[in-house]
Amino acid sequence: METIIKRSPGMGCIINEGLTTFRVWAPNAE
């Protein structure tokens, strides 16, 4: 599994300093 580092705030797909953070709301997902 890929190491999770330096997450950016915000929703959806956020590009910041060469990294891309994905954040999604899915309360029933496993």
Full PDB file with SEQRES, HELIX, SHEET, SSBOND, CRYST1, ORIGX, SCALE, CONECT and MASTER records, all heavy atoms in Angstrom:
SEQRES   1 A   30  MET GLU THR ILE ILE LYS ARG SER PRO GLY MET GLY CYS          
SEQRES   2 A   30  ILE ILE ASN GLU GLY LEU THR THR PHE ARG VAL TRP ALA          
SEQRES   3 A   30  PRO ASN ALA GLU                                              
SHEET    1 AA1 2 GLY A  12  ASN A  16  0                                        
SHEET    2 AA1 2 LEU A  19  ARG A  23 -1                                        
CRYST1    1.000    1.000    1.000  90.00  90.00  90.00 P 1           1          
ORIGX1      1.000000  0.000000  0.000000        0.00000                         
ORIGX2      0.000000  1.000000  0.000000        0.00000                         
ORIGX3      0.000000  0.000000  1.000000        0.00000                         
SCALE1      1.000000  0.000000  0.000000        0.00000                         
SCALE2      0.000000  1.000000  0.000000        0.00000                         
SCALE3      0.000000  0.000000  1.000000        0.00000                         
ATOM      1  N   MET A   1       0.851  -1.204   0.000  1.00  0.00           N  
ATOM      2  CA  MET A   1       0.000   0.000   0.000  1.00  0.00           C  
ATOM      3  C   MET A   1       0.877   1.241   0.000  1.00  0.00           C  
ATOM      4  O   MET A   1       1.921   1.297   0.626  1.00  0.00           O  
ATOM      5  CB  MET A   1      -0.896  -0.012   1.245  1.00  0.00           C  
ATOM      6  CG  MET A   1      -1.838   1.194   1.316  1.00  0.00           C  
ATOM      7  SD  MET A   1      -2.673   1.290   2.907  1.00  0.00           S  
ATOM      8  CE  MET A   1      -3.601  -0.229   2.857  1.00  0.00           C  
ATOM      9  N   GLU A   2       0.436   2.246  -0.699  1.00  0.00           N  
ATOM     10  CA  GLU A   2       1.194   3.486  -0.794  1.00  0.00           C  
ATOM     11  C   GLU A   2       1.120   4.260   0.516  1.00  0.00           C  
ATOM     12  O   GLU A   2       0.103   4.292   1.205  1.00  0.00           O  
ATOM     13  CB  GLU A   2       0.606   4.333  -1.923  1.00  0.00           C  
ATOM     14  CG  GLU A   2       1.369   5.610  -2.169  1.00  0.00           C  
ATOM     15  CD  GLU A   2       0.885   6.285  -3.440  1.00  0.00           C  
ATOM     16  OE1 GLU A   2       0.354   5.599  -4.322  1.00  0.00           O  
ATOM     17  OE2 GLU A   2       1.031   7.506  -3.527  1.00  0.00           O  
ATOM     18  N   THR A   3       2.210   4.872   0.896  1.00  0.00           N  
ATOM     19  CA  THR A   3       2.265   5.668   2.110  1.00  0.00           C  
ATOM     20  C   THR A   3       1.459   6.957   1.926  1.00  0.00           C  
ATOM     21  O   THR A   3       1.590   7.645   0.920  1.00  0.00           O  
ATOM     22  CB  THR A   3       3.715   6.022   2.466  1.00  0.00           C  
ATOM     23  OG1 THR A   3       4.465   4.816   2.578  1.00  0.00           O  
ATOM     24  CG2 THR A   3       3.770   6.806   3.765  1.00  0.00           C  
ATOM     25  N   ILE A   4       0.645   7.266   2.926  1.00  0.00           N  
ATOM     26  CA  ILE A   4      -0.167   8.482   2.877  1.00  0.00           C  
ATOM     27  C   ILE A   4       0.587   9.601   3.573  1.00  0.00           C  
ATOM     28  O   ILE A   4       0.913   9.510   4.750  1.00  0.00           O  
ATOM     29  CB  ILE A   4      -1.523   8.267   3.561  1.00  0.00           C  
ATOM     30  CG1 ILE A   4      -2.227   7.049   2.985  1.00  0.00           C  
ATOM     31  CG2 ILE A   4      -2.393   9.509   3.440  1.00  0.00           C  
ATOM     32  CD1 ILE A   4      -2.604   7.170   1.534  1.00  0.00           C  
ATOM     33  N   ILE A   5       0.885  10.663   2.849  1.00  0.00           N  
ATOM     34  CA  ILE A   5       1.648  11.759   3.423  1.00  0.00           C  
ATOM     35  C   ILE A   5       1.030  13.088   3.030  1.00  0.00           C  
ATOM     36  O   ILE A   5       0.418  13.230   1.989  1.00  0.00           O  
ATOM     37  CB  ILE A   5       3.115  11.731   2.970  1.00  0.00           C  
ATOM     38  CG1 ILE A   5       3.202  11.732   1.430  1.00  0.00           C  
ATOM     39  CG2 ILE A   5       3.846  10.540   3.549  1.00  0.00           C  
ATOM     40  CD1 ILE A   5       4.615  11.886   0.902  1.00  0.00           C  
ATOM     41  N   LYS A   6       1.183  14.043   3.882  1.00  0.00           N  
ATOM     42  CA  LYS A   6       0.910  15.454   3.599  1.00  0.00           C  
ATOM     43  C   LYS A   6      -0.413  15.662   2.860  1.00  0.00           C  
ATOM     44  O   LYS A   6      -0.465  16.163   1.750  1.00  0.00           O  
ATOM     45  CB  LYS A   6       2.060  16.045   2.782  1.00  0.00           C  
ATOM     46  CG  LYS A   6       2.144  17.578   2.854  1.00  0.00           C  
ATOM     47  CD  LYS A   6       3.371  18.078   2.129  1.00  0.00           C  
ATOM     48  CE  LYS A   6       3.463  19.585   2.213  1.00  0.00           C  
ATOM     49  NZ  LYS A   6       4.662  20.110   1.514  1.00  0.00           N  
ATOM     50  N   ARG A   7      -1.486  15.257   3.489  1.00  0.00           N  
ATOM     51  CA  ARG A   7      -2.795  15.452   2.863  1.00  0.00           C  
ATOM     52  C   ARG A   7      -3.188  16.923   2.861  1.00  0.00           C  
ATOM     53  O   ARG A   7      -3.026  17.624   3.847  1.00  0.00           O  
ATOM     54  CB  ARG A   7      -3.866  14.667   3.631  1.00  0.00           C  
ATOM     55  CG  ARG A   7      -3.717  13.163   3.547  1.00  0.00           C  
ATOM     56  CD  ARG A   7      -4.782  12.501   4.381  1.00  0.00           C  
ATOM     57  NE  ARG A   7      -4.484  11.085   4.560  1.00  0.00           N  
ATOM     58  CZ  ARG A   7      -4.991  10.332   5.514  1.00  0.00           C  
ATOM     59  NH1 ARG A   7      -5.809  10.873   6.403  1.00  0.00           N  
ATOM     60  NH2 ARG A   7      -4.682   9.054   5.597  1.00  0.00           N  
ATOM     61  N   SER A   8      -3.755  17.353   1.758  1.00  0.00           N  
ATOM     62  CA  SER A   8      -4.251  18.724   1.662  1.00  0.00           C  
ATOM     63  C   SER A   8      -5.692  18.778   2.146  1.00  0.00           C  
ATOM     64  O   SER A   8      -6.448  17.814   1.974  1.00  0.00           O  
ATOM     65  CB  SER A   8      -4.171  19.213   0.218  1.00  0.00           C  
ATOM     66  OG  SER A   8      -2.835  19.289  -0.212  1.00  0.00           O  
ATOM     67  N   PRO A   9      -6.104  19.902   2.721  1.00  0.00           N  
ATOM     68  CA  PRO A   9      -7.511  20.039   3.134  1.00  0.00           C  
ATOM     69  C   PRO A   9      -8.398  20.240   1.921  1.00  0.00           C  
ATOM     70  O   PRO A   9      -7.948  20.607   0.835  1.00  0.00           O  
ATOM     71  CB  PRO A   9      -7.485  21.276   4.024  1.00  0.00           C  
ATOM     72  CG  PRO A   9      -6.326  22.082   3.519  1.00  0.00           C  
ATOM     73  CD  PRO A   9      -5.301  21.086   3.068  1.00  0.00           C  
ATOM     74  N   GLY A  10      -9.683  20.027   2.138  1.00  0.00           N  
ATOM     75  CA  GLY A  10     -10.648  20.241   1.069  1.00  0.00           C  
ATOM     76  C   GLY A  10     -11.250  18.949   0.580  1.00  0.00           C  
ATOM     77  O   GLY A  10     -10.815  17.850   0.948  1.00  0.00           O  
ATOM     78  N   MET A  11     -12.272  19.097  -0.251  1.00  0.00           N  
ATOM     79  CA  MET A  11     -12.987  17.939  -0.777  1.00  0.00           C  
ATOM     80  C   MET A  11     -12.639  17.711  -2.247  1.00  0.00           C  
ATOM     81  O   MET A  11     -12.251  18.623  -2.967  1.00  0.00           O  
ATOM     82  CB  MET A  11     -14.496  18.151  -0.631  1.00  0.00           C  
ATOM     83  CG  MET A  11     -14.982  18.170   0.802  1.00  0.00           C  
ATOM     84  SD  MET A  11     -14.697  16.602   1.659  1.00  0.00           S  
ATOM     85  CE  MET A  11     -15.727  15.484   0.694  1.00  0.00           C  
ATOM     86  N   GLY A  12     -12.820  16.449  -2.673  1.00  0.00           N  
ATOM     87  CA  GLY A  12     -12.587  16.098  -4.064  1.00  0.00           C  
ATOM     88  C   GLY A  12     -11.125  15.824  -4.307  1.00  0.00           C  
ATOM     89  O   GLY A  12     -10.456  15.134  -3.529  1.00  0.00           O  
ATOM     90  N   CYS A  13     -10.601  16.370  -5.387  1.00  0.00           N  
ATOM     91  CA  CYS A  13      -9.223  16.151  -5.805  1.00  0.00           C  
ATOM     92  C   CYS A  13      -8.464  17.459  -5.671  1.00  0.00           C  
ATOM     93  O   CYS A  13      -8.795  18.444  -6.343  1.00  0.00           O  
ATOM     94  CB  CYS A  13      -9.222  15.651  -7.248  1.00  0.00           C  
ATOM     95  SG  CYS A  13      -7.597  15.359  -7.906  1.00  0.00           S  
ATOM     96  N   ILE A  14      -7.448  17.474  -4.804  1.00  0.00           N  
ATOM     97  CA  ILE A  14      -6.721  18.714  -4.506  1.00  0.00           C  
ATOM     98  C   ILE A  14      -5.260  18.538  -4.899  1.00  0.00           C  
ATOM     99  O   ILE A  14      -4.582  17.637  -4.401  1.00  0.00           O  
ATOM    100  CB  ILE A  14      -6.813  19.078  -3.006  1.00  0.00           C  
ATOM    101  CG1 ILE A  14      -8.282  19.083  -2.547  1.00  0.00           C  
ATOM    102  CG2 ILE A  14      -6.179  20.434  -2.750  1.00  0.00           C  
ATOM    103  CD1 ILE A  14      -8.684  17.849  -1.781  1.00  0.00           C  
ATOM    104  N   ILE A  15      -4.783  19.399  -5.799  1.00  0.00           N  
ATOM    105  CA  ILE A  15      -3.399  19.360  -6.256  1.00  0.00           C  
ATOM    106  C   ILE A  15      -2.601  20.389  -5.467  1.00  0.00           C  
ATOM    107  O   ILE A  15      -2.981  21.565  -5.392  1.00  0.00           O  
ATOM    108  CB  ILE A  15      -3.311  19.672  -7.760  1.00  0.00           C  
ATOM    109  CG1 ILE A  15      -4.219  18.747  -8.565  1.00  0.00           C  
ATOM    110  CG2 ILE A  15      -1.879  19.569  -8.254  1.00  0.00           C  
ATOM    111  CD1 ILE A  15      -4.401  19.161 -10.007  1.00  0.00           C  
ATOM    112  N   ASN A  16      -1.475  19.957  -4.875  1.00  0.00           N  
ATOM    113  CA  ASN A  16      -0.692  20.875  -4.053  1.00  0.00           C  
ATOM    114  C   ASN A  16       0.750  20.394  -3.974  1.00  0.00           C  
ATOM    115  O   ASN A  16       1.018  19.284  -3.493  1.00  0.00           O  
ATOM    116  CB  ASN A  16      -1.294  20.980  -2.653  1.00  0.00           C  
ATOM    117  CG  ASN A  16      -0.598  22.012  -1.783  1.00  0.00           C  
ATOM    118  OD1 ASN A  16      -0.081  23.003  -2.289  1.00  0.00           O  
ATOM    119  ND2 ASN A  16      -0.560  21.775  -0.486  1.00  0.00           N  
ATOM    120  N   GLU A  17       1.673  21.206  -4.463  1.00  0.00           N  
ATOM    121  CA  GLU A  17       3.113  20.963  -4.357  1.00  0.00           C  
ATOM    122  C   GLU A  17       3.507  19.568  -4.850  1.00  0.00           C  
ATOM    123  O   GLU A  17       4.240  18.835  -4.187  1.00  0.00           O  
ATOM    124  CB  GLU A  17       3.579  21.159  -2.907  1.00  0.00           C  
ATOM    125  CG  GLU A  17       3.396  22.597  -2.418  1.00  0.00           C  
ATOM    126  CD  GLU A  17       3.882  22.790  -0.992  1.00  0.00           C  
ATOM    127  OE1 GLU A  17       4.267  21.780  -0.364  1.00  0.00           O  
ATOM    128  OE2 GLU A  17       3.858  23.940  -0.523  1.00  0.00           O  
ATOM    129  N   GLY A  18       3.017  19.206  -6.020  1.00  0.00           N  
ATOM    130  CA  GLY A  18       3.405  17.943  -6.629  1.00  0.00           C  
ATOM    131  C   GLY A  18       2.673  16.730  -6.096  1.00  0.00           C  
ATOM    132  O   GLY A  18       2.925  15.608  -6.550  1.00  0.00           O  
ATOM    133  N   LEU A  19       1.788  16.933  -5.134  1.00  0.00           N  
ATOM    134  CA  LEU A  19       1.011  15.827  -4.575  1.00  0.00           C  
ATOM    135  C   LEU A  19      -0.471  16.045  -4.873  1.00  0.00           C  
ATOM    136  O   LEU A  19      -0.930  17.178  -5.004  1.00  0.00           O  
ATOM    137  CB  LEU A  19       1.216  15.728  -3.065  1.00  0.00           C  
ATOM    138  CG  LEU A  19       2.643  15.454  -2.584  1.00  0.00           C  
ATOM    139  CD1 LEU A  19       2.703  15.491  -1.062  1.00  0.00           C  
ATOM    140  CD2 LEU A  19       3.155  14.106  -3.106  1.00  0.00           C  
ATOM    141  N   THR A  20      -1.187  14.941  -4.966  1.00  0.00           N  
ATOM    142  CA  THR A  20      -2.629  15.005  -5.199  1.00  0.00           C  
ATOM    143  C   THR A  20      -3.345  14.270  -4.078  1.00  0.00           C  
ATOM    144  O   THR A  20      -3.084  13.090  -3.827  1.00  0.00           O  
ATOM    145  CB  THR A  20      -2.993  14.378  -6.556  1.00  0.00           C  
ATOM    146  OG1 THR A  20      -2.326  15.093  -7.595  1.00  0.00           O  
ATOM    147  CG2 THR A  20      -4.490  14.443  -6.790  1.00  0.00           C  
ATOM    148  N   THR A  21      -4.225  14.993  -3.408  1.00  0.00           N  
ATOM    149  CA  THR A  21      -5.030  14.413  -2.329  1.00  0.00           C  
ATOM    150  C   THR A  21      -6.446  14.177  -2.832  1.00  0.00           C  
ATOM    151  O   THR A  21      -7.036  15.042  -3.486  1.00  0.00           O  
ATOM    152  CB  THR A  21      -5.070  15.351  -1.111  1.00  0.00           C  
ATOM    153  OG1 THR A  21      -3.745  15.507  -0.594  1.00  0.00           O  
ATOM    154  CG2 THR A  21      -5.978  14.781  -0.016  1.00  0.00           C  
ATOM    155  N   PHE A  22      -6.973  12.998  -2.540  1.00  0.00           N  
ATOM    156  CA  PHE A  22      -8.363  12.667  -2.834  1.00  0.00           C  
ATOM    157  C   PHE A  22      -9.116  12.575  -1.515  1.00  0.00           C  
ATOM    158  O   PHE A  22      -8.657  11.911  -0.579  1.00  0.00           O  
ATOM    159  CB  PHE A  22      -8.464  11.318  -3.566  1.00  0.00           C  
ATOM    160  CG  PHE A  22      -7.791  11.293  -4.907  1.00  0.00           C  
ATOM    161  CD1 PHE A  22      -6.457  10.887  -5.023  1.00  0.00           C  
ATOM    162  CD2 PHE A  22      -8.478  11.668  -6.049  1.00  0.00           C  
ATOM    163  CE1 PHE A  22      -5.835  10.859  -6.260  1.00  0.00           C  
ATOM    164  CE2 PHE A  22      -7.862  11.642  -7.288  1.00  0.00           C  
ATOM    165  CZ  PHE A  22      -6.539  11.238  -7.388  1.00  0.00           C  
ATOM    166  N   ARG A  23     -10.260  13.239  -1.431  1.00  0.00           N  
ATOM    167  CA  ARG A  23     -11.084  13.130  -0.218  1.00  0.00           C  
ATOM    168  C   ARG A  23     -12.543  13.018  -0.635  1.00  0.00           C  
ATOM    169  O   ARG A  23     -13.030  13.790  -1.472  1.00  0.00           O  
ATOM    170  CB  ARG A  23     -10.882  14.335   0.698  1.00  0.00           C  
ATOM    171  CG  ARG A  23     -11.689  14.223   2.007  1.00  0.00           C  
ATOM    172  CD  ARG A  23     -11.311  15.308   3.021  1.00  0.00           C  
ATOM    173  NE  ARG A  23     -10.008  15.050   3.629  1.00  0.00           N  
ATOM    174  CZ  ARG A  23      -8.884  15.690   3.329  1.00  0.00           C  
ATOM    175  NH1 ARG A  23      -8.908  16.657   2.406  1.00  0.00           N  
ATOM    176  NH2 ARG A  23      -7.748  15.393   3.929  1.00  0.00           N  
ATOM    177  N   VAL A  24     -13.240  12.072  -0.024  1.00  0.00           N  
ATOM    178  CA  VAL A  24     -14.620  11.799  -0.410  1.00  0.00           C  
ATOM    179  C   VAL A  24     -15.423  11.447   0.833  1.00  0.00           C  
ATOM    180  O   VAL A  24     -14.890  10.878   1.797  1.00  0.00           O  
ATOM    181  CB  VAL A  24     -14.670  10.647  -1.451  1.00  0.00           C  
ATOM    182  CG1 VAL A  24     -14.154   9.335  -0.861  1.00  0.00           C  
ATOM    183  CG2 VAL A  24     -16.069  10.487  -2.034  1.00  0.00           C  
ATOM    184  N   TRP A  25     -16.693  11.807   0.802  1.00  0.00           N  
ATOM    185  CA  TRP A  25     -17.622  11.463   1.893  1.00  0.00           C  
ATOM    186  C   TRP A  25     -18.398  10.226   1.479  1.00  0.00           C  
ATOM    187  O   TRP A  25     -19.127  10.241   0.483  1.00  0.00           O  
ATOM    188  CB  TRP A  25     -18.562  12.629   2.150  1.00  0.00           C  
ATOM    189  CG  TRP A  25     -19.620  12.354   3.189  1.00  0.00           C  
ATOM    190  CD1 TRP A  25     -19.428  11.968   4.486  1.00  0.00           C  
ATOM    191  CD2 TRP A  25     -21.028  12.455   3.010  1.00  0.00           C  
ATOM    192  NE1 TRP A  25     -20.636  11.826   5.122  1.00  0.00           N  
ATOM    193  CE2 TRP A  25     -21.636  12.117   4.234  1.00  0.00           C  
ATOM    194  CE3 TRP A  25     -21.848  12.805   1.925  1.00  0.00           C  
ATOM    195  CZ2 TRP A  25     -23.021  12.111   4.412  1.00  0.00           C  
ATOM    196  CZ3 TRP A  25     -23.212  12.806   2.087  1.00  0.00           C  
ATOM    197  CH2 TRP A  25     -23.801  12.457   3.326  1.00  0.00           C  
ATOM    198  N   ALA A  26     -18.226   9.138   2.237  1.00  0.00           N  
ATOM    199  CA  ALA A  26     -18.906   7.873   1.957  1.00  0.00           C  
ATOM    200  C   ALA A  26     -19.042   7.114   3.269  1.00  0.00           C  
ATOM    201  O   ALA A  26     -18.304   6.167   3.550  1.00  0.00           O  
ATOM    202  CB  ALA A  26     -18.129   7.049   0.933  1.00  0.00           C  
ATOM    203  N   PRO A  27     -19.974   7.523   4.134  1.00  0.00           N  
ATOM    204  CA  PRO A  27     -20.034   7.005   5.512  1.00  0.00           C  
ATOM    205  C   PRO A  27     -20.340   5.516   5.615  1.00  0.00           C  
ATOM    206  O   PRO A  27     -20.073   4.917   6.671  1.00  0.00           O  
ATOM    207  CB  PRO A  27     -21.145   7.846   6.148  1.00  0.00           C  
ATOM    208  CG  PRO A  27     -21.953   8.356   5.004  1.00  0.00           C  
ATOM    209  CD  PRO A  27     -20.999   8.540   3.878  1.00  0.00           C  
ATOM    210  N   ASN A  28     -20.880   4.910   4.568  1.00  0.00           N  
ATOM    211  CA  ASN A  28     -21.234   3.493   4.647  1.00  0.00           C  
ATOM    212  C   ASN A  28     -20.248   2.580   3.938  1.00  0.00           C  
ATOM    213  O   ASN A  28     -20.452   1.370   3.883  1.00  0.00           O  
ATOM    214  CB  ASN A  28     -22.633   3.287   4.057  1.00  0.00           C  
ATOM    215  CG  ASN A  28     -23.686   4.092   4.798  1.00  0.00           C  
ATOM    216  OD1 ASN A  28     -24.058   3.773   5.922  1.00  0.00           O  
ATOM    217  ND2 ASN A  28     -24.141   5.179   4.176  1.00  0.00           N  
ATOM    218  N   ALA A  29     -19.185   3.152   3.402  1.00  0.00           N  
ATOM    219  CA  ALA A  29     -18.194   2.350   2.704  1.00  0.00           C  
ATOM    220  C   ALA A  29     -17.363   1.546   3.699  1.00  0.00           C  
ATOM    221  O   ALA A  29     -17.151   1.956   4.846  1.00  0.00           O  
ATOM    222  CB  ALA A  29     -17.287   3.247   1.872  1.00  0.00           C  
ATOM    223  N   GLU A  30     -16.893   0.385   3.228  1.00  0.00           N  
ATOM    224  CA  GLU A  30     -15.980  -0.433   4.025  1.00  0.00           C  
ATOM    225  C   GLU A  30     -14.530  -0.212   3.611  1.00  0.00           C  
ATOM    226  O   GLU A  30     -13.624  -0.241   4.441  1.00  0.00           O  
ATOM    227  CB  GLU A  30     -16.352  -1.913   3.872  1.00  0.00           C  
ATOM    228  CG  GLU A  30     -17.749  -2.223   4.418  1.00  0.00           C  
ATOM    229  CD  GLU A  30     -18.267  -3.587   3.983  1.00  0.00           C  
ATOM    230  OE1 GLU A  30     -17.543  -4.302   3.250  1.00  0.00           O  
ATOM    231  OE2 GLU A  30     -19.396  -3.947   4.374  1.00  0.00           O  
TER     232      GLU A  30                                                      
MASTER        0    0    0    0    2    0    0    6  231    1    0    3          
END                                                                             
